[in-house]
Protein backbone atom coordinates (compact mmCIF):
# COMPACT_ATOMS: atom_id res chain seq x y z
CA UNK A 1 -0.38 0.07 -0.33
CA UNK A 2 1.05 3.58 -0.89
CA UNK A 3 1.96 6.13 1.55
CA UNK A 4 -1.17 8.63 2.49
CA UNK A 5 1.12 11.45 4.47
CA UNK A 6 0.87 14.65 3.03
CA UNK A 7 4.34 17.27 5.20
CA UNK A 8 3.96 20.16 4.57
CA UNK A 9 7.27 21.17 3.76
CA UNK A 10 8.02 18.48 1.59
CA UNK A 11 4.88 19.01 -0.28
CA UNK A 12 3.87 21.09 -3.94
CA UNK A 13 1.32 21.96 -5.08
CA UNK A 14 0.42 23.13 -9.10
CA UNK A 15 -2.30 25.72 -10.18
CA UNK A 16 -2.45 26.97 -14.16
CA UNK A 17 -3.46 27.13 -17.02
CA UNK A 18 -6.24 25.51 -18.67
CA UNK A 19 -4.87 25.69 -22.58
CA UNK A 20 -1.61 25.25 -23.38
CA UNK A 21 -0.96 25.94 -27.28
CA UNK A 22 1.08 23.91 -29.02
CA UNK A 23 4.80 25.29 -29.08
CA UNK A 24 5.20 25.77 -25.59
CA UNK A 25 3.92 21.92 -24.21
CA UNK A 26 7.10 20.44 -25.34
CA UNK A 27 8.58 23.57 -23.42
CA UNK A 28 6.54 23.63 -20.99
CA UNK A 29 7.27 19.46 -19.19
CA UNK A 30 11.08 19.91 -19.90
CA UNK A 31 10.90 22.77 -17.80
CA UNK A 32 8.39 21.01 -15.01
CA UNK A 33 10.75 17.60 -15.48
CA UNK A 34 13.52 20.15 -14.13
CA UNK A 35 13.17 21.83 -11.97
CA UNK A 36 10.54 19.06 -10.08
CA UNK A 37 14.47 16.59 -10.13
CA UNK A 38 16.16 19.79 -8.46
CA UNK A 39 12.96 20.62 -6.00
CA UNK A 40 13.05 16.61 -4.99
CA UNK A 41 16.74 17.27 -4.93
CA UNK A 42 16.04 20.04 -2.07
CA UNK A 43 13.55 17.56 0.01
CA UNK A 44 10.42 18.11 -2.04
CA UNK A 45 8.36 14.56 -2.65
CA UNK A 46 5.25 14.90 -2.06
CA UNK A 47 2.63 17.26 -4.84
CA UNK A 48 -0.45 17.38 -5.08
CA UNK A 49 -2.69 18.57 -8.62
CA UNK A 50 -6.33 19.67 -8.39
CA UNK A 51 -7.50 18.12 -11.43
CA UNK A 52 -7.87 20.78 -14.02
CA UNK A 53 -7.60 19.96 -17.61
CA UNK A 54 -4.43 21.47 -18.90
CA UNK A 55 -1.84 21.98 -16.22
CA UNK A 56 -2.55 20.04 -13.71
CA UNK A 57 -3.54 16.93 -16.02
CA UNK A 58 0.84 18.16 -17.68
CA UNK A 59 2.26 18.55 -13.88
CA UNK A 60 0.61 15.40 -12.59
CA UNK A 61 2.26 13.09 -16.15
CA UNK A 62 5.54 14.81 -14.94
CA UNK A 63 5.52 13.17 -11.55
CA UNK A 64 4.12 9.98 -12.52
CA UNK A 65 6.99 10.38 -15.23
CA UNK A 66 9.18 10.62 -12.53
CA UNK A 67 7.86 7.67 -9.81
CA UNK A 68 9.84 6.11 -12.56
CA UNK A 69 12.93 7.09 -10.78
CA UNK A 70 13.00 8.22 -7.17
CA UNK A 71 10.14 5.41 -6.04
CA UNK A 72 9.39 7.72 -2.60
CA UNK A 73 7.71 10.80 -4.80
CA UNK A 74 3.93 10.23 -4.28
CA UNK A 75 0.96 12.16 -5.99
CA UNK A 76 -2.39 13.53 -5.15
CA UNK A 77 -5.06 14.82 -6.70
CA UNK A 78 -7.71 17.45 -4.54
CA UNK A 79 -11.03 16.92 -6.36
CA UNK A 80 -13.25 19.58 -6.09
CA UNK A 81 -15.91 16.57 -6.30
CA UNK A 82 -17.08 13.48 -7.99
CA UNK A 83 -17.20 13.10 -11.52
CA UNK A 84 -15.48 16.49 -12.07
CA UNK A 85 -13.95 15.25 -15.00
CA UNK A 86 -17.50 14.05 -16.89
CA UNK A 87 -16.48 17.89 -18.41
CA UNK A 88 -13.40 16.59 -20.34
CA UNK A 89 -13.49 16.40 -23.68
CA UNK A 90 -12.18 12.48 -23.92
CA UNK A 91 -9.28 12.81 -24.83
CA UNK A 92 -8.55 14.99 -21.37
CA UNK A 93 -11.30 12.68 -19.70
CA UNK A 94 -8.80 9.14 -20.44
CA UNK A 95 -5.36 11.48 -19.77
CA UNK A 96 -7.25 11.97 -16.25
CA UNK A 97 -8.54 8.78 -15.54
CA UNK A 98 -5.72 6.99 -15.65
CA UNK A 99 -3.38 9.30 -14.08
CA UNK A 100 -6.38 9.21 -10.83
CA UNK A 101 -5.84 5.34 -10.88
CA UNK A 102 -1.71 5.68 -10.72
CA UNK A 103 -1.83 8.61 -8.14
CA UNK A 104 -1.58 7.77 -4.54
CA UNK A 105 -4.79 8.84 -3.46
CA UNK A 106 -7.28 11.13 -4.62
CA UNK A 107 -8.91 13.44 -2.49
CA UNK A 108 -12.75 14.16 -2.43
CA UNK A 109 -13.08 17.24 -1.41
CA UNK A 110 -16.82 16.96 -1.72
CA UNK A 111 -19.87 14.58 -2.54
CA UNK A 112 -21.18 17.39 -5.28
CA UNK A 113 -20.96 20.80 -7.06
CA UNK A 114 -21.34 23.90 -4.79
CA UNK A 115 -20.24 27.49 -6.23
CA UNK A 116 -17.27 28.23 -4.52
CA UNK A 117 -16.38 24.23 -4.56
CA UNK A 118 -13.02 24.69 -7.33
CA UNK A 119 -11.57 27.61 -5.05
CA UNK A 120 -11.81 25.77 -1.77
CA UNK A 121 -10.56 22.81 -4.30
CA UNK A 122 -7.28 25.35 -4.44
CA UNK A 123 -7.51 26.86 -0.40
CA UNK A 124 -6.92 22.68 0.06
CA UNK A 125 -4.29 22.96 -1.93
CA UNK A 126 -3.03 26.31 -0.60
CA UNK A 127 -3.70 25.13 3.34
CA UNK A 128 -0.54 21.59 1.80
CA UNK A 129 1.71 22.89 0.73
CA UNK A 130 5.15 25.12 1.02
CA UNK A 131 5.72 25.36 -2.05
CA UNK A 132 3.09 26.33 -5.38
CA UNK A 133 4.85 25.40 -9.12
CA UNK A 134 2.79 27.63 -11.09
CA UNK A 135 2.57 28.17 -15.07
CA UNK A 136 0.31 31.84 -14.98
CA UNK A 137 -0.15 34.89 -17.38
CA UNK A 138 -0.30 37.47 -15.30
CA UNK A 139 -2.24 39.35 -17.65
CA UNK A 140 -5.04 36.57 -16.46
CA UNK A 141 -6.19 38.36 -12.95
CA UNK A 142 -9.64 37.54 -12.40
CA UNK A 143 -9.25 33.46 -13.51
CA UNK A 144 -8.11 30.38 -10.67
CA UNK A 145 -5.20 30.06 -11.11
CA UNK A 146 -4.80 34.70 -10.74
CA UNK A 147 -6.90 33.60 -7.04
CA UNK A 148 -4.48 30.95 -6.08
CA UNK A 149 -1.07 32.87 -6.68
CA UNK A 150 -2.48 35.59 -5.28
CA UNK A 151 -4.22 33.68 -2.28
CA UNK A 152 -0.40 32.32 -2.12
CA UNK A 153 2.14 35.54 -2.02
CA UNK A 154 -1.03 36.67 0.51
CA UNK A 155 0.66 33.79 2.55
CA UNK A 156 4.25 34.33 1.49
CA UNK A 157 4.04 30.79 0.77
CA UNK A 158 6.78 30.98 -2.60
CA UNK A 159 5.59 30.04 -6.06
CA UNK A 160 7.97 29.13 -9.79
CA UNK A 161 6.28 31.00 -12.44
CA UNK A 162 6.83 28.41 -15.50
CA UNK A 163 5.07 31.46 -18.12
CA UNK A 164 7.07 32.64 -20.92
């Protein structure tokens, strides 16, 4: 059985935009791999994603790939509500299910959708991490990613922003 303990001091959360251009995808994947390897070497071995399309799914896939090299890496998915992935396109839905099956644990935060459930998910991730990795265009101030980055800044959680 996999370890299911989240040590905040060794945990990184992710936040980022849902749309990643094809031109940026390879660069972003390589950048994530390098940053996660560096942070693993700095003592981080636990990762929390919110299970959204785009940057979340990409981050989870990179963590799962790195688990082949670093067996003690843990991946948690903070699931905002039951079945949230059912609204994804077929390809993203399949990716999500494959990731969820391989994750250390899926942390279900609500059995149903409600206004604010995504913000609750973002707050949960910030409460359980000591570093945030973002893919955040600062012009997207009113997005969920913008909210999460501002809240991390307010709580003095360091942020690595991979948006270029």
